[in-house]
N, C-alpha and C. Protein backbone atom coordinates (compact mmCIF):
# COMPACT_ATOMS: atom_id res chain seq x y z
N UNK A 1 100.39 109.93 108.40
CA UNK A 1 99.36 110.63 107.26
C UNK A 1 98.64 109.63 106.64
N UNK A 2 97.14 109.91 106.71
CA UNK A 2 96.40 109.14 105.89
C UNK A 2 96.26 109.16 104.33
N UNK A 3 95.84 108.61 103.68
CA UNK A 3 95.82 108.79 102.19
C UNK A 3 94.72 110.13 101.81
N UNK A 4 93.96 110.48 102.76
CA UNK A 4 93.06 111.62 102.64
C UNK A 4 93.55 113.01 103.04
N UNK A 5 94.53 112.95 103.88
CA UNK A 5 95.13 114.23 104.26
C UNK A 5 95.68 114.83 103.17
N UNK A 6 95.63 116.22 103.19
CA UNK A 6 96.51 117.01 102.22
C UNK A 6 95.68 117.55 101.16
N UNK A 7 94.53 116.99 100.81
CA UNK A 7 93.60 117.46 99.65
C UNK A 7 92.27 117.72 100.30
N UNK A 8 91.48 118.21 99.25
CA UNK A 8 90.30 118.91 99.82
C UNK A 8 89.09 118.26 99.04
N UNK A 9 88.09 118.23 99.70
CA UNK A 9 86.73 117.69 99.30
C UNK A 9 86.81 116.42 98.70
N UNK A 10 85.99 116.47 97.62
CA UNK A 10 85.86 115.31 96.59
C UNK A 10 86.81 114.89 95.70
N UNK A 11 87.71 115.94 95.51
CA UNK A 11 88.82 115.96 94.33
C UNK A 11 89.53 114.52 94.76
N UNK A 12 89.92 113.78 93.68
CA UNK A 12 90.72 112.61 93.68
C UNK A 12 92.28 112.93 94.32
N UNK A 13 92.71 112.24 95.19
CA UNK A 13 94.09 112.41 95.66
C UNK A 13 95.06 112.42 94.48
N UNK A 14 95.94 113.38 94.71
CA UNK A 14 97.34 113.29 93.62
C UNK A 14 98.04 112.17 94.13
N UNK A 15 99.23 111.94 93.25
CA UNK A 15 100.28 111.05 93.70
C UNK A 15 101.02 111.63 95.13
N UNK A 16 101.15 112.91 95.09
CA UNK A 16 101.84 113.56 96.37
C UNK A 16 101.16 113.44 97.49
N UNK A 17 99.70 113.11 97.25
CA UNK A 17 98.88 113.04 98.59
C UNK A 17 98.81 111.63 99.12
N UNK A 18 99.19 110.60 98.40
CA UNK A 18 99.28 109.27 98.70
C UNK A 18 100.53 108.66 99.47
N UNK A 19 100.31 108.03 100.43
CA UNK A 19 101.14 107.89 101.51
C UNK A 19 100.66 106.28 102.15
N UNK A 20 101.83 105.85 102.98
CA UNK A 20 101.28 104.91 103.85
C UNK A 20 101.47 105.30 105.42
N UNK A 21 100.74 104.73 106.25
CA UNK A 21 100.71 105.09 107.69
C UNK A 21 102.33 105.03 108.31
N UNK A 22 102.79 106.20 108.56
CA UNK A 22 104.16 106.19 109.06
C UNK A 22 104.38 105.22 110.21
N UNK A 23 103.50 105.25 111.23
CA UNK A 23 103.67 104.49 112.31
C UNK A 23 103.68 102.93 111.99
N UNK A 24 102.94 102.67 110.97
CA UNK A 24 102.84 101.18 110.67
C UNK A 24 104.17 100.80 110.01
N UNK A 25 104.55 101.72 109.10
CA UNK A 25 105.86 101.24 108.53
C UNK A 25 106.89 101.37 109.39
N UNK A 26 107.00 102.42 110.39
CA UNK A 26 107.90 102.32 111.64
C UNK A 26 107.99 100.92 112.15
N UNK A 27 106.75 100.45 112.45
CA UNK A 27 106.73 99.26 113.14
C UNK A 27 107.23 97.98 112.38
N UNK A 28 106.69 97.86 111.18
CA UNK A 28 107.50 96.78 110.24
C UNK A 28 108.90 96.93 110.33
N UNK A 29 109.52 98.12 109.92
CA UNK A 29 110.87 98.45 109.93
C UNK A 29 111.47 97.74 111.10
N UNK A 30 111.05 98.35 112.45
CA UNK A 30 111.63 97.81 113.76
C UNK A 30 111.51 96.52 113.81
N UNK A 31 110.38 95.66 113.40
CA UNK A 31 110.34 94.29 113.74
C UNK A 31 111.34 93.55 112.68
N UNK A 32 111.56 93.96 111.43
CA UNK A 32 112.65 93.30 110.63
C UNK A 32 113.93 93.65 110.95
N UNK A 33 114.15 94.78 111.54
CA UNK A 33 115.83 95.02 111.69
C UNK A 33 116.27 94.37 113.15
N UNK A 34 117.48 94.14 113.02
CA UNK A 34 118.15 93.49 114.32
C UNK A 34 118.00 94.54 115.47
N UNK A 35 117.93 94.28 116.70
CA UNK A 35 117.51 95.08 117.78
C UNK A 35 118.59 96.22 118.00
N UNK A 36 119.76 95.85 117.48
CA UNK A 36 120.65 97.05 117.83
C UNK A 36 121.03 98.01 116.51
N UNK A 37 119.87 97.80 115.58
CA UNK A 37 119.92 98.72 114.33
C UNK A 37 118.74 99.64 114.50
N UNK A 38 119.04 100.90 114.35
CA UNK A 38 117.75 101.73 114.40
C UNK A 38 117.64 102.45 112.73
N UNK A 39 116.51 103.00 112.59
CA UNK A 39 116.36 103.53 111.39
C UNK A 39 115.91 105.08 111.54
N UNK A 40 116.54 105.78 110.67
CA UNK A 40 116.30 107.34 110.76
C UNK A 40 114.95 107.57 110.06
N UNK A 41 114.48 108.78 110.57
CA UNK A 41 113.18 109.14 110.13
C UNK A 41 113.37 109.33 108.48
N UNK A 42 114.27 109.94 107.93
CA UNK A 42 114.31 110.10 106.53
C UNK A 42 114.59 108.73 105.82
N UNK A 43 115.05 107.71 106.40
CA UNK A 43 115.17 106.49 105.91
C UNK A 43 113.64 105.77 105.84
N UNK A 44 112.97 106.10 106.87
CA UNK A 44 111.56 105.51 106.97
C UNK A 44 110.83 106.19 105.96
N UNK A 45 110.87 107.58 105.74
CA UNK A 45 110.13 108.13 104.75
C UNK A 45 110.47 107.78 103.31
N UNK A 46 111.82 107.45 103.02
CA UNK A 46 112.51 107.08 101.92
C UNK A 46 111.65 105.60 101.40
N UNK A 47 111.70 104.74 102.55
CA UNK A 47 110.93 103.47 102.30
C UNK A 47 109.79 103.43 101.84
N UNK A 48 108.88 104.40 102.65
CA UNK A 48 107.40 104.85 102.28
C UNK A 48 107.19 105.25 101.03
N UNK A 49 108.12 106.21 100.34
CA UNK A 49 108.08 106.61 99.01
C UNK A 49 108.06 105.51 98.05
N UNK A 50 109.25 104.60 98.37
CA UNK A 50 109.49 103.37 97.63
C UNK A 50 108.52 102.51 97.48
N UNK A 51 107.94 102.19 98.61
CA UNK A 51 106.44 101.56 98.78
C UNK A 51 105.47 101.84 97.88
N UNK A 52 105.12 103.09 98.08
CA UNK A 52 104.05 103.72 97.32
C UNK A 52 104.36 103.70 95.69
N UNK A 53 105.61 103.89 95.51
CA UNK A 53 106.11 103.81 93.98
C UNK A 53 105.94 102.44 93.56
N UNK A 54 106.36 101.29 94.29
CA UNK A 54 106.06 100.08 93.84
C UNK A 54 104.57 99.65 93.73
N UNK A 55 103.80 99.96 94.74
CA UNK A 55 102.26 99.91 94.53
C UNK A 55 101.80 100.51 93.38
N UNK A 56 102.26 101.81 93.07
CA UNK A 56 101.56 102.40 91.75
C UNK A 56 102.17 101.65 90.62
N UNK A 57 103.40 101.36 90.49
CA UNK A 57 103.73 100.60 89.46
C UNK A 57 103.09 99.03 89.19
N UNK A 58 102.92 98.30 90.14
CA UNK A 58 102.15 97.17 90.10
C UNK A 58 100.75 97.45 89.78
N UNK A 59 100.02 98.51 90.34
CA UNK A 59 98.60 98.68 89.89
C UNK A 59 98.36 99.11 88.66
N UNK A 60 99.26 100.04 88.09
CA UNK A 60 99.39 100.28 86.49
C UNK A 60 99.44 99.30 85.71
N UNK A 61 100.42 98.27 85.90
CA UNK A 61 100.57 97.11 85.19
C UNK A 61 99.43 96.04 85.17
N UNK A 62 98.87 96.18 86.57
CA UNK A 62 97.69 95.07 86.69
C UNK A 62 96.50 95.83 85.89
N UNK A 63 96.30 96.96 85.87
CA UNK A 63 95.26 97.91 85.10
C UNK A 63 95.18 97.44 83.75
N UNK A 64 96.45 97.44 83.19
CA UNK A 64 96.65 97.20 81.69
C UNK A 64 96.28 95.93 81.49
N UNK A 65 96.63 94.82 82.35
CA UNK A 65 96.28 93.62 82.12
C UNK A 65 94.82 93.31 82.15
N UNK A 66 94.01 94.12 83.06
CA UNK A 66 92.67 94.13 83.44
C UNK A 66 92.06 94.59 82.06
N UNK A 67 92.41 95.84 81.42
CA UNK A 67 91.83 96.27 80.39
C UNK A 67 92.10 95.50 79.20
N UNK A 68 93.27 94.90 78.95
CA UNK A 68 93.46 93.79 77.85
C UNK A 68 92.40 92.70 77.64
N UNK A 69 91.86 92.54 79.07
CA UNK A 69 90.95 91.28 79.15
C UNK A 69 89.52 91.98 79.19
N UNK A 70 89.59 93.13 79.07
CA UNK A 70 88.14 93.77 79.06
C UNK A 70 87.42 93.81 80.32
N UNK A 71 88.29 93.76 81.46
CA UNK A 71 87.43 93.56 82.70
C UNK A 71 87.71 94.97 83.21
N UNK A 72 86.59 95.12 84.22
CA UNK A 72 86.54 96.74 85.08
C UNK A 72 87.23 96.57 86.50
N UNK A 73 87.50 95.47 86.93
CA UNK A 73 87.98 95.23 88.16
C UNK A 73 89.15 94.34 88.43
N UNK A 74 90.26 94.77 88.95
CA UNK A 74 91.45 94.34 89.04
C UNK A 74 91.27 93.15 90.04
N UNK A 75 91.77 91.94 89.56
CA UNK A 75 91.49 90.66 90.49
C UNK A 75 93.01 90.41 90.83
N UNK A 76 92.93 89.49 91.93
CA UNK A 76 94.42 89.02 92.38
C UNK A 76 95.23 88.45 91.16
N UNK A 77 94.72 87.80 90.44
CA UNK A 77 95.30 87.19 89.10
C UNK A 77 95.99 88.43 88.33
N UNK A 78 95.40 89.22 88.23
CA UNK A 78 95.96 90.52 87.52
C UNK A 78 97.12 90.98 88.27
N UNK A 79 97.11 91.22 89.76
CA UNK A 79 98.27 91.53 90.33
C UNK A 79 99.52 90.62 90.14
N UNK A 80 99.24 89.28 90.14
CA UNK A 80 100.36 88.33 90.07
C UNK A 80 100.90 88.37 88.64
N UNK A 81 99.88 88.69 87.54
CA UNK A 81 100.34 88.77 86.13
C UNK A 81 101.29 89.96 86.10
N UNK A 82 101.00 91.10 86.65
CA UNK A 82 101.74 92.25 86.70
C UNK A 82 103.24 91.95 87.31
N UNK A 83 103.14 91.22 88.38
CA UNK A 83 104.53 90.96 89.13
C UNK A 83 105.30 90.26 88.22
N UNK A 84 104.75 89.24 87.51
CA UNK A 84 105.50 88.27 86.51
C UNK A 84 105.98 89.31 85.24
N UNK A 85 104.98 90.18 84.73
CA UNK A 85 105.46 91.08 83.49
C UNK A 85 106.60 91.82 84.09
N UNK A 86 106.65 92.34 85.22
CA UNK A 86 107.71 93.40 85.68
C UNK A 86 108.83 92.78 86.18
N UNK A 87 108.96 91.36 86.13
CA UNK A 87 110.10 90.57 86.54
C UNK A 87 110.37 90.50 88.07
N UNK A 88 109.20 90.43 88.69
CA UNK A 88 109.25 90.03 90.04
C UNK A 88 108.53 88.65 90.27
N UNK A 89 108.88 87.73 89.48
CA UNK A 89 108.59 86.10 89.62
C UNK A 89 108.72 85.74 90.87
N UNK A 90 109.92 86.23 91.48
CA UNK A 90 110.08 85.54 92.79
C UNK A 90 109.20 85.99 93.98
N UNK A 91 108.44 86.94 93.74
CA UNK A 91 107.32 87.33 94.59
C UNK A 91 106.19 86.29 94.44
N UNK A 92 105.91 85.92 93.29
CA UNK A 92 104.69 85.30 93.16
C UNK A 92 104.07 84.40 93.97
N UNK A 93 105.07 83.40 94.44
CA UNK A 93 104.70 82.32 95.19
C UNK A 93 104.41 82.82 96.44
N UNK A 94 104.90 83.68 97.17
CA UNK A 94 104.62 84.21 98.36
C UNK A 94 103.40 85.08 98.36
N UNK A 95 103.13 85.73 97.29
CA UNK A 95 101.73 86.57 97.09
C UNK A 95 100.72 85.35 97.12
N UNK A 96 100.90 84.36 96.17
CA UNK A 96 99.68 83.31 96.05
C UNK A 96 99.50 82.45 97.28
N UNK A 97 100.66 82.59 98.12
CA UNK A 97 100.35 81.80 99.45
C UNK A 97 99.36 82.77 100.34
N UNK A 98 99.70 84.08 100.38
CA UNK A 98 98.89 85.08 101.25
C UNK A 98 97.63 85.13 100.61
N UNK A 99 97.42 85.10 99.28
CA UNK A 99 96.19 85.10 98.76
C UNK A 99 95.22 83.86 99.12
N UNK A 100 95.90 82.69 99.50
CA UNK A 100 95.21 81.46 99.78
C UNK A 100 94.78 81.47 101.02
N UNK A 101 95.69 82.26 102.01
CA UNK A 101 95.57 82.32 103.60
C UNK A 101 94.42 83.31 103.66
N UNK A 102 94.34 84.22 102.79
CA UNK A 102 93.39 85.34 103.07
C UNK A 102 91.88 84.67 102.71
N UNK A 103 91.88 83.87 101.60
CA UNK A 103 90.67 83.19 101.16
C UNK A 103 90.19 82.37 102.29
N UNK A 104 91.14 81.68 102.89
CA UNK A 104 90.80 80.75 104.03
C UNK A 104 90.17 81.64 105.00
N UNK A 105 90.76 82.67 105.42
CA UNK A 105 90.31 83.60 106.58
C UNK A 105 88.72 83.98 106.14
N UNK A 106 88.63 84.47 104.99
CA UNK A 106 87.29 84.89 104.56
C UNK A 106 86.37 83.74 104.87
N UNK A 107 86.57 82.42 104.54
CA UNK A 107 85.83 81.29 104.71
C UNK A 107 85.47 81.13 106.07
N UNK A 108 86.61 81.24 106.81
CA UNK A 108 86.26 80.89 108.29
C UNK A 108 85.42 82.13 108.89
N UNK A 109 85.50 83.31 108.48
CA UNK A 109 84.87 84.44 109.07
C UNK A 109 83.29 84.17 108.66
N UNK A 110 83.13 83.65 107.48
CA UNK A 110 81.56 83.43 106.95
C UNK A 110 80.98 82.34 107.93
N UNK A 111 81.88 81.30 108.24
CA UNK A 111 81.53 80.18 109.21
C UNK A 111 81.03 80.83 110.56
N UNK A 112 81.73 81.99 110.95
CA UNK A 112 81.45 82.40 112.20
C UNK A 112 80.29 83.04 112.32
N UNK A 113 80.02 83.98 111.01
CA UNK A 113 78.78 84.54 110.88
C UNK A 113 77.55 83.42 110.95
N UNK A 114 77.51 82.45 110.25
CA UNK A 114 76.78 81.36 110.06
C UNK A 114 76.39 80.77 111.42
N UNK A 115 77.45 80.66 112.33
CA UNK A 115 77.28 79.83 113.76
C UNK A 115 76.46 80.86 114.46
N UNK A 116 76.63 82.17 114.58
CA UNK A 116 75.61 83.04 114.88
C UNK A 116 74.24 83.08 114.53
N UNK A 117 74.12 83.08 113.18
CA UNK A 117 72.71 82.87 112.61
C UNK A 117 72.08 81.44 113.10
N UNK A 118 72.93 80.40 113.34
CA UNK A 118 72.50 79.10 113.63
C UNK A 118 72.06 78.94 115.24
N UNK A 119 72.54 79.72 115.91
CA UNK A 119 72.31 79.85 117.39
C UNK A 119 70.86 79.79 117.67
N UNK A 120 70.08 80.41 116.91
CA UNK A 120 68.75 80.40 117.12
C UNK A 120 68.25 81.59 118.27
N UNK A 121 69.23 82.48 118.50
CA UNK A 121 69.07 83.39 119.67
C UNK A 121 68.94 84.88 119.01
N UNK A 122 68.16 85.63 119.54
CA UNK A 122 68.37 87.18 118.85
C UNK A 122 69.52 87.81 119.48
N UNK A 123 70.02 88.65 118.83
CA UNK A 123 71.10 89.64 119.27
C UNK A 123 70.98 89.91 120.94
N UNK A 124 69.97 90.32 121.37
CA UNK A 124 69.40 90.67 122.70
C UNK A 124 69.62 89.58 123.59
N UNK A 125 69.21 88.23 123.21
CA UNK A 125 69.36 87.26 123.95
C UNK A 125 70.87 86.85 124.15
N UNK A 126 71.47 86.84 123.04
CA UNK A 126 73.03 86.55 123.02
C UNK A 126 73.67 87.62 123.98
N UNK A 127 73.64 88.90 123.90
CA UNK A 127 74.05 89.75 124.78
C UNK A 127 73.82 89.84 126.14
N UNK A 128 72.52 89.34 126.55
CA UNK A 128 72.25 89.00 127.83
C UNK A 128 73.00 87.71 128.36
N UNK A 129 73.02 86.67 127.43
CA UNK A 129 73.79 85.53 127.89
C UNK A 129 75.33 85.91 128.10
N UNK A 130 75.80 86.78 127.23
CA UNK A 130 77.16 87.19 127.38
C UNK A 130 77.24 87.85 128.73
N UNK A 131 76.50 88.76 129.06
CA UNK A 131 76.63 89.42 130.34
C UNK A 131 76.52 88.72 131.51
N UNK A 132 75.55 87.64 131.40
CA UNK A 132 75.66 86.63 132.54
C UNK A 132 76.77 85.80 132.67
N UNK A 133 77.54 85.46 131.62
CA UNK A 133 78.75 84.78 131.69
C UNK A 133 80.01 85.74 132.15
N UNK A 134 79.96 86.82 131.73
CA UNK A 134 80.79 87.87 132.33
C UNK A 134 80.57 88.02 133.76
N UNK A 135 79.23 88.07 134.27
CA UNK A 135 79.12 88.40 135.69
C UNK A 135 79.44 87.04 136.50
N UNK A 136 79.13 85.85 136.12
CA UNK A 136 79.70 84.70 136.73
C UNK A 136 81.14 84.70 136.90
N UNK A 137 81.91 84.94 135.61
CA UNK A 137 83.46 85.02 135.69
C UNK A 137 84.01 86.00 136.67
N UNK A 138 83.42 87.30 136.76
CA UNK A 138 83.72 88.24 137.54
C UNK A 138 83.60 87.83 139.13
N UNK A 139 82.24 87.27 139.25
CA UNK A 139 82.34 86.60 140.61
C UNK A 139 83.09 85.59 141.01
N UNK A 140 83.50 84.78 140.21
CA UNK A 140 84.60 83.75 140.31
C UNK A 140 85.92 84.07 140.57
N UNK A 141 86.24 85.12 139.68
CA UNK A 141 87.81 85.86 139.93
C UNK A 141 87.71 86.77 141.35
N UNK A 142 86.62 87.33 141.50
CA UNK A 142 86.66 88.21 142.78
C UNK A 142 86.76 87.23 144.17
N UNK A 143 85.96 86.08 144.05
CA UNK A 143 86.11 85.17 145.03
C UNK A 143 87.50 84.59 145.37
N UNK A 144 88.32 84.41 144.33
CA UNK A 144 89.68 83.94 144.44
C UNK A 144 90.59 84.98 144.84
N UNK A 145 90.33 86.36 144.96
CA UNK A 145 91.06 87.51 145.32
C UNK A 145 91.16 87.64 146.73
N UNK A 146 90.14 87.06 147.49
CA UNK A 146 90.03 87.33 148.83
C UNK A 146 90.56 86.63 149.72
């Protein structure tokens, strides 16, 4: 169920409407459990409810910190501060590591965009070159199959 299911039009979702994707949570649970252990649907649903409540708790605390600093946007530092205030200090190191990795991925993504811009070719020229390379690769593959 998506966050938008279950409520109408432009009205903001209520707490009962908010959820996490069941398939994604089920996959995460399956990956974390030993292969000989299964998770009941009711258990998965309970995990989802707990996760939503945890997110709500952290968001509310981060919002309070944000308001105290007269800010209008919750920043990663507010989330880390909320974790500390709520006694989840043991989470902060991993959260900071994930944030660092995310920032690096964003920088790498920006570099990729600039490589496209630096190529000096139009999008049409790049697409034509890509098709040419695909055709050459396909021909090479087909010649080895005969």
